[in-house]
């Protein structure tokens, strides 16, 4: 039997992409900020989760899940018949995430160890993939987006949540914001098309994408 082939080298981490400076990833030691008590008031996180329209029985990936602020709510909505794949580079987050899931009685959360260029999600496995304030930190956007396209089931959606760069009143560092135009440009350049949008959040864009179908031969 032939030895398994190593994954292709994704190349060096990018500093910029399509004219945008890529932000440094927040270190896991600052994870307490993700669980701050004022987050719901500032970001209307419950409203955002409602806008995702997660159905019972779905498989949902929370890419860049951190300590599980959104993961646990997604798991409740997917229900016992569904599952949530908690995807992270920084595995130091996982013990707290699993502790919180166990305390909430949630047994449908699975941790997935990602690499910088690969979320390590099975092909055609996800009804929804959420990137909540994560995409702007990806060091290998084209590779990750290609993997996410493969991971979506037919009809599945990718939800991209980012702080609005167009709004100077949003109190987030500029590098950790994205404009709607930039989000559209980067996703469309990587094989996605818009599948919807929710504009009711106080600080963030929420855009939905689906994999763009390849043109049929002769079409």
C-alpha atoms as a PDB file:
ATOM      1  CA  UNK A   1       0.000   0.000   0.000  1.00  0.00           C
ATOM      2  CA  UNK A   2       1.339   3.433  -0.937  1.00  0.00           C
ATOM      3  CA  UNK A   3       2.159   5.776   1.898  1.00  0.00           C
ATOM      4  CA  UNK A   4      -0.356   8.607   2.377  1.00  0.00           C
ATOM      5  CA  UNK A   5       0.659  11.800   0.670  1.00  0.00           C
ATOM      6  CA  UNK A   6       1.220  14.896   2.823  1.00  0.00           C
ATOM      7  CA  UNK A   7      -1.175  17.775   2.228  1.00  0.00           C
ATOM      8  CA  UNK A   8       0.019  20.321  -0.318  1.00  0.00           C
ATOM      9  CA  UNK A   9       2.043  23.217   1.032  1.00  0.00           C
ATOM     10  CA  UNK A  10      -0.371  26.178   1.309  1.00  0.00           C
ATOM     11  CA  UNK A  11       2.469  28.647   1.024  1.00  0.00           C
ATOM     12  CA  UNK A  12       3.339  31.457   3.418  1.00  0.00           C
ATOM     13  CA  UNK A  13       0.721  33.353   5.362  1.00  0.00           C
ATOM     14  CA  UNK A  14      -0.533  36.387   3.458  1.00  0.00           C
ATOM     15  CA  UNK A  15      -0.090  39.884   4.830  1.00  0.00           C
ATOM     16  CA  UNK A  16      -2.635  41.415   2.448  1.00  0.00           C
ATOM     17  CA  UNK A  17      -5.416  40.076   0.237  1.00  0.00           C
ATOM     18  CA  UNK A  18      -7.235  41.912  -2.566  1.00  0.00           C
ATOM     19  CA  UNK A  19      -6.062  45.251  -1.212  1.00  0.00           C
ATOM     20  CA  UNK A  20      -6.998  44.477   2.412  1.00  0.00           C
ATOM     21  CA  UNK A  21      -4.497  44.151   5.254  1.00  0.00           C
ATOM     22  CA  UNK A  22      -5.094  40.881   7.102  1.00  0.00           C
ATOM     23  CA  UNK A  23      -5.495  41.283  10.861  1.00  0.00           C
ATOM     24  CA  UNK A  24      -3.565  39.217  13.372  1.00  0.00           C
ATOM     25  CA  UNK A  25      -5.560  36.465  15.060  1.00  0.00           C
ATOM     26  CA  UNK A  26      -6.652  37.242  18.596  1.00  0.00           C
ATOM     27  CA  UNK A  27      -4.703  35.061  21.034  1.00  0.00           C
ATOM     28  CA  UNK A  28      -6.678  32.534  23.053  1.00  0.00           C
ATOM     29  CA  UNK A  29      -5.493  34.113  26.303  1.00  0.00           C
ATOM     30  CA  UNK A  30      -7.765  37.081  25.512  1.00  0.00           C
ATOM     31  CA  UNK A  31     -10.790  34.799  25.174  1.00  0.00           C
ATOM     32  CA  UNK A  32     -12.571  36.367  28.130  1.00  0.00           C
ATOM     33  CA  UNK A  33     -13.478  39.267  25.830  1.00  0.00           C
ATOM     34  CA  UNK A  34     -15.635  36.863  23.802  1.00  0.00           C
ATOM     35  CA  UNK A  35     -17.769  36.091  26.853  1.00  0.00           C
ATOM     36  CA  UNK A  36     -18.148  39.666  28.113  1.00  0.00           C
ATOM     37  CA  UNK A  37     -21.552  40.371  29.625  1.00  0.00           C
ATOM     38  CA  UNK A  38     -22.226  43.402  27.423  1.00  0.00           C
ATOM     39  CA  UNK A  39     -21.775  41.477  24.160  1.00  0.00           C
ATOM     40  CA  UNK A  40     -25.485  40.839  23.638  1.00  0.00           C
ATOM     41  CA  UNK A  41     -26.286  44.530  24.175  1.00  0.00           C
ATOM     42  CA  UNK A  42     -23.547  45.670  21.811  1.00  0.00           C
ATOM     43  CA  UNK A  43     -23.959  43.119  19.021  1.00  0.00           C
ATOM     44  CA  UNK A  44     -27.540  41.783  19.348  1.00  0.00           C
ATOM     45  CA  UNK A  45     -26.182  38.252  19.201  1.00  0.00           C
ATOM     46  CA  UNK A  46     -29.579  36.619  19.789  1.00  0.00           C
ATOM     47  CA  UNK A  47     -30.980  38.535  16.822  1.00  0.00           C
ATOM     48  CA  UNK A  48     -28.033  37.407  14.687  1.00  0.00           C
ATOM     49  CA  UNK A  49     -28.635  33.772  15.636  1.00  0.00           C
ATOM     50  CA  UNK A  50     -32.307  34.091  14.725  1.00  0.00           C
ATOM     51  CA  UNK A  51     -31.304  35.471  11.318  1.00  0.00           C
ATOM     52  CA  UNK A  52     -29.278  32.300  10.655  1.00  0.00           C
ATOM     53  CA  UNK A  53     -32.530  30.289  10.670  1.00  0.00           C
ATOM     54  CA  UNK A  54     -30.886  27.104  11.913  1.00  0.00           C
ATOM     55  CA  UNK A  55     -33.225  24.118  11.623  1.00  0.00           C
ATOM     56  CA  UNK A  56     -33.344  21.097  13.915  1.00  0.00           C
ATOM     57  CA  UNK A  57     -31.194  18.283  12.616  1.00  0.00           C
ATOM     58  CA  UNK A  58     -28.732  20.516  10.777  1.00  0.00           C
ATOM     59  CA  UNK A  59     -24.987  20.165  10.849  1.00  0.00           C
ATOM     60  CA  UNK A  60     -23.503  23.596  11.538  1.00  0.00           C
ATOM     61  CA  UNK A  61     -19.824  24.540  11.593  1.00  0.00           C
ATOM     62  CA  UNK A  62     -18.716  27.404  13.837  1.00  0.00           C
ATOM     63  CA  UNK A  63     -15.379  28.311  12.254  1.00  0.00           C
ATOM     64  CA  UNK A  64     -13.101  30.123  14.692  1.00  0.00           C
ATOM     65  CA  UNK A  65     -15.410  29.091  17.523  1.00  0.00           C
ATOM     66  CA  UNK A  66     -13.171  30.313  20.342  1.00  0.00           C
ATOM     67  CA  UNK A  67     -14.619  29.343  23.713  1.00  0.00           C
ATOM     68  CA  UNK A  68     -18.030  28.648  22.229  1.00  0.00           C
ATOM     69  CA  UNK A  69     -20.049  31.832  22.679  1.00  0.00           C
ATOM     70  CA  UNK A  70     -22.038  31.087  19.510  1.00  0.00           C
ATOM     71  CA  UNK A  71     -21.354  27.347  19.459  1.00  0.00           C
ATOM     72  CA  UNK A  72     -23.614  26.539  22.387  1.00  0.00           C
ATOM     73  CA  UNK A  73     -26.540  28.536  21.022  1.00  0.00           C
ATOM     74  CA  UNK A  74     -26.122  26.896  17.623  1.00  0.00           C
ATOM     75  CA  UNK A  75     -26.146  23.484  19.316  1.00  0.00           C
ATOM     76  CA  UNK A  76     -29.416  24.284  21.085  1.00  0.00           C
ATOM     77  CA  UNK A  77     -31.001  25.284  17.794  1.00  0.00           C
ATOM     78  CA  UNK A  78     -29.718  22.270  15.864  1.00  0.00           C
ATOM     79  CA  UNK A  79     -31.133  20.010  18.584  1.00  0.00           C
ATOM     80  CA  UNK A  80     -30.167  16.472  19.590  1.00  0.00           C
ATOM     81  CA  UNK A  81     -30.551  15.231  16.013  1.00  0.00           C
ATOM     82  CA  UNK A  82     -28.148  17.873  14.715  1.00  0.00           C
ATOM     83  CA  UNK A  83     -24.555  18.649  15.484  1.00  0.00           C
ATOM     84  CA  UNK A  84     -22.236  21.609  15.693  1.00  0.00           C
ATOM     85  CA  UNK A  85     -18.636  21.322  14.548  1.00  0.00           C
ATOM     86  CA  UNK A  86     -16.557  23.693  16.684  1.00  0.00           C
ATOM     87  CA  UNK A  87     -13.570  24.516  14.469  1.00  0.00           C
ATOM     88  CA  UNK A  88     -10.454  26.131  15.918  1.00  0.00           C
ATOM     89  CA  UNK A  89      -6.740  26.599  15.316  1.00  0.00           C
ATOM     90  CA  UNK A  90      -6.083  27.377  18.982  1.00  0.00           C
ATOM     91  CA  UNK A  91      -6.972  24.173  20.772  1.00  0.00           C
ATOM     92  CA  UNK A  92      -6.434  25.885  24.128  1.00  0.00           C
ATOM     93  CA  UNK A  93     -10.032  27.069  23.742  1.00  0.00           C
ATOM     94  CA  UNK A  94     -11.474  23.552  23.685  1.00  0.00           C
ATOM     95  CA  UNK A  95     -11.415  22.611  27.398  1.00  0.00           C
ATOM     96  CA  UNK A  96     -13.515  25.637  28.363  1.00  0.00           C
ATOM     97  CA  UNK A  97     -15.840  25.152  25.394  1.00  0.00           C
ATOM     98  CA  UNK A  98     -16.462  21.504  26.287  1.00  0.00           C
ATOM     99  CA  UNK A  99     -16.909  22.363  29.962  1.00  0.00           C
ATOM    100  CA  UNK A 100     -19.528  24.957  29.083  1.00  0.00           C
ATOM    101  CA  UNK A 101     -21.291  22.552  26.698  1.00  0.00           C
ATOM    102  CA  UNK A 102     -21.409  19.846  29.374  1.00  0.00           C
ATOM    103  CA  UNK A 103     -22.756  22.301  31.956  1.00  0.00           C
ATOM    104  CA  UNK A 104     -25.518  23.228  29.505  1.00  0.00           C
ATOM    105  CA  UNK A 105     -26.354  19.557  28.846  1.00  0.00           C
ATOM    106  CA  UNK A 106     -25.373  19.801  25.190  1.00  0.00           C
ATOM    107  CA  UNK A 107     -24.040  16.570  23.716  1.00  0.00           C
ATOM    108  CA  UNK A 108     -24.054  17.529  20.035  1.00  0.00           C
ATOM    109  CA  UNK A 109     -20.851  19.608  19.948  1.00  0.00           C
ATOM    110  CA  UNK A 110     -17.724  18.169  18.294  1.00  0.00           C
ATOM    111  CA  UNK A 111     -14.346  19.897  18.312  1.00  0.00           C
ATOM    112  CA  UNK A 112     -12.417  20.034  15.044  1.00  0.00           C
ATOM    113  CA  UNK A 113      -8.754  21.023  14.940  1.00  0.00           C
ATOM    114  CA  UNK A 114      -8.113  23.235  11.906  1.00  0.00           C
ATOM    115  CA  UNK A 115      -4.957  24.406  10.214  1.00  0.00           C
ATOM    116  CA  UNK A 116      -4.357  27.911   8.937  1.00  0.00           C
ATOM    117  CA  UNK A 117      -5.246  26.814   5.395  1.00  0.00           C
ATOM    118  CA  UNK A 118      -7.776  24.039   6.031  1.00  0.00           C
ATOM    119  CA  UNK A 119     -10.793  23.943   8.359  1.00  0.00           C
ATOM    120  CA  UNK A 120     -10.663  20.125   8.139  1.00  0.00           C
ATOM    121  CA  UNK A 121     -14.386  19.728   7.542  1.00  0.00           C
ATOM    122  CA  UNK A 122     -15.656  16.632   5.706  1.00  0.00           C
ATOM    123  CA  UNK A 123     -16.893  17.148   2.137  1.00  0.00           C
ATOM    124  CA  UNK A 124     -20.605  17.943   1.750  1.00  0.00           C
ATOM    125  CA  UNK A 125     -21.116  17.805   5.519  1.00  0.00           C
ATOM    126  CA  UNK A 126     -22.522  21.215   6.497  1.00  0.00           C
ATOM    127  CA  UNK A 127     -25.893  22.899   6.111  1.00  0.00           C
ATOM    128  CA  UNK A 128     -24.454  26.149   7.483  1.00  0.00           C
ATOM    129  CA  UNK A 129     -20.953  27.444   8.158  1.00  0.00           C
ATOM    130  CA  UNK A 130     -20.653  30.508  10.395  1.00  0.00           C
ATOM    131  CA  UNK A 131     -17.602  32.772  10.430  1.00  0.00           C
ATOM    132  CA  UNK A 132     -18.327  35.277  13.185  1.00  0.00           C
ATOM    133  CA  UNK A 133     -15.736  38.091  13.110  1.00  0.00           C
ATOM    134  CA  UNK A 134     -13.185  35.560  11.866  1.00  0.00           C
ATOM    135  CA  UNK A 135     -12.781  35.889   8.111  1.00  0.00           C
ATOM    136  CA  UNK A 136     -10.710  39.094   8.277  1.00  0.00           C
ATOM    137  CA  UNK A 137      -8.044  37.181  10.254  1.00  0.00           C
ATOM    138  CA  UNK A 138      -7.627  34.249   7.834  1.00  0.00           C
ATOM    139  CA  UNK A 139      -4.024  34.029   6.643  1.00  0.00           C
ATOM    140  CA  UNK A 140      -4.918  31.854   3.618  1.00  0.00           C
ATOM    141  CA  UNK A 141      -8.317  33.093   2.388  1.00  0.00           C
ATOM    142  CA  UNK A 142      -8.427  31.320  -1.016  1.00  0.00           C
ATOM    143  CA  UNK A 143      -7.486  27.927   0.433  1.00  0.00           C
ATOM    144  CA  UNK A 144      -9.930  28.185   3.322  1.00  0.00           C
ATOM    145  CA  UNK A 145     -12.773  29.337   1.081  1.00  0.00           C
ATOM    146  CA  UNK A 146     -12.122  26.482  -1.354  1.00  0.00           C
ATOM    147  CA  UNK A 147     -12.322  24.032   1.556  1.00  0.00           C
ATOM    148  CA  UNK A 148     -15.547  25.637   2.794  1.00  0.00           C
ATOM    149  CA  UNK A 149     -17.135  25.312  -0.642  1.00  0.00           C
ATOM    150  CA  UNK A 150     -16.360  21.609  -0.583  1.00  0.00           C
ATOM    151  CA  UNK A 151     -17.734  21.269   2.953  1.00  0.00           C
ATOM    152  CA  UNK A 152     -21.152  22.725   2.128  1.00  0.00           C
ATOM    153  CA  UNK A 153     -24.003  20.399   1.298  1.00  0.00           C
ATOM    154  CA  UNK A 154     -26.096  21.196  -1.796  1.00  0.00           C
ATOM    155  CA  UNK A 155     -28.137  24.233  -0.813  1.00  0.00           C
ATOM    156  CA  UNK A 156     -25.898  24.916   2.186  1.00  0.00           C
ATOM    157  CA  UNK A 157     -24.910  28.470   3.107  1.00  0.00           C
ATOM    158  CA  UNK A 158     -21.903  30.276   4.456  1.00  0.00           C
ATOM    159  CA  UNK A 159     -22.709  33.105   6.893  1.00  0.00           C
ATOM    160  CA  UNK A 160     -20.118  35.868   7.095  1.00  0.00           C
ATOM    161  CA  UNK A 161     -20.393  38.237  10.077  1.00  0.00           C
ATOM    162  CA  UNK A 162     -18.017  41.217  10.167  1.00  0.00           C
ATOM    163  CA  UNK A 163     -17.925  44.588  11.917  1.00  0.00           C
ATOM    164  CA  UNK A 164     -18.851  47.375   9.505  1.00  0.00           C
ATOM    165  CA  UNK A 165     -15.855  49.296   8.179  1.00  0.00           C
ATOM    166  CA  UNK A 166     -18.149  51.944   6.697  1.00  0.00           C
ATOM    167  CA  UNK A 167     -19.321  53.038  10.147  1.00  0.00           C
ATOM    168  CA  UNK A 168     -16.773  55.076  12.167  1.00  0.00           C
ATOM    169  CA  UNK A 169     -19.055  54.806  15.208  1.00  0.00           C
ATOM    170  CA  UNK A 170     -18.393  51.060  15.517  1.00  0.00           C
ATOM    171  CA  UNK A 171     -15.732  50.989  18.292  1.00  0.00           C
ATOM    172  CA  UNK A 172     -13.546  48.270  16.789  1.00  0.00           C
ATOM    173  CA  UNK A 173     -10.028  48.671  15.376  1.00  0.00           C
ATOM    174  CA  UNK A 174     -10.033  49.312  11.619  1.00  0.00           C
ATOM    175  CA  UNK A 175      -8.090  46.126  10.849  1.00  0.00           C
ATOM    176  CA  UNK A 176     -10.851  44.102  12.489  1.00  0.00           C
ATOM    177  CA  UNK A 177     -13.593  45.580  10.313  1.00  0.00           C
ATOM    178  CA  UNK A 178     -14.646  44.854   6.726  1.00  0.00           C
ATOM    179  CA  UNK A 179     -16.751  46.762   4.268  1.00  0.00           C
ATOM    180  CA  UNK A 180     -19.682  45.098   2.575  1.00  0.00           C
ATOM    181  CA  UNK A 181     -18.070  45.732  -0.811  1.00  0.00           C
ATOM    182  CA  UNK A 182     -14.858  43.993   0.266  1.00  0.00           C
ATOM    183  CA  UNK A 183     -16.762  40.994   1.616  1.00  0.00           C
ATOM    184  CA  UNK A 184     -18.649  40.634  -1.641  1.00  0.00           C
ATOM    185  CA  UNK A 185     -15.537  41.042  -3.779  1.00  0.00           C
ATOM    186  CA  UNK A 186     -13.505  38.429  -1.920  1.00  0.00           C
ATOM    187  CA  UNK A 187     -16.230  35.805  -1.686  1.00  0.00           C
ATOM    188  CA  UNK A 188     -17.307  36.228  -5.291  1.00  0.00           C
ATOM    189  CA  UNK A 189     -13.674  35.912  -6.417  1.00  0.00           C
ATOM    190  CA  UNK A 190     -13.553  32.536  -4.683  1.00  0.00           C
ATOM    191  CA  UNK A 191     -16.567  30.791  -6.148  1.00  0.00           C
ATOM    192  CA  UNK A 192     -19.412  32.071  -3.980  1.00  0.00           C
ATOM    193  CA  UNK A 193     -22.537  34.073  -4.768  1.00  0.00           C
ATOM    194  CA  UNK A 194     -24.806  36.065  -2.483  1.00  0.00           C
ATOM    195  CA  UNK A 195     -27.661  34.061  -0.978  1.00  0.00           C
ATOM    196  CA  UNK A 196     -29.110  36.712   1.338  1.00  0.00           C
ATOM    197  CA  UNK A 197     -28.347  39.438   3.825  1.00  0.00           C
ATOM    198  CA  UNK A 198     -29.545  40.615   7.225  1.00  0.00           C
ATOM    199  CA  UNK A 199     -29.110  44.325   7.863  1.00  0.00           C
ATOM    200  CA  UNK A 200     -30.644  44.742  11.323  1.00  0.00           C
ATOM    201  CA  UNK A 201     -27.556  44.350  13.518  1.00  0.00           C
ATOM    202  CA  UNK A 202     -26.159  47.425  15.308  1.00  0.00           C
ATOM    203  CA  UNK A 203     -22.470  46.981  14.459  1.00  0.00           C
ATOM    204  CA  UNK A 204     -22.054  44.169  11.921  1.00  0.00           C
ATOM    205  CA  UNK A 205     -22.726  43.050   8.383  1.00  0.00           C
ATOM    206  CA  UNK A 206     -24.306  39.600   8.073  1.00  0.00           C
ATOM    207  CA  UNK A 207     -24.061  38.254   4.533  1.00  0.00           C
ATOM    208  CA  UNK A 208     -25.037  34.790   3.333  1.00  0.00           C
ATOM    209  CA  UNK A 209     -23.304  33.018   0.459  1.00  0.00           C
ATOM    210  CA  UNK A 210     -23.690  29.758  -1.409  1.00  0.00           C
ATOM    211  CA  UNK A 211     -21.293  27.962  -3.711  1.00  0.00           C
ATOM    212  CA  UNK A 212     -21.630  29.239  -7.253  1.00  0.00           C
ATOM    213  CA  UNK A 213     -22.539  26.507  -9.700  1.00  0.00           C
ATOM    214  CA  UNK A 214     -20.010  25.769 -12.410  1.00  0.00           C
ATOM    215  CA  UNK A 215     -21.309  26.630 -15.892  1.00  0.00           C
ATOM    216  CA  UNK A 216     -22.601  23.635 -17.801  1.00  0.00           C
ATOM    217  CA  UNK A 217     -20.645  22.552 -20.875  1.00  0.00           C
ATOM    218  CA  UNK A 218     -21.983  24.419 -23.862  1.00  0.00           C
ATOM    219  CA  UNK A 219     -24.050  26.687 -21.603  1.00  0.00           C
END
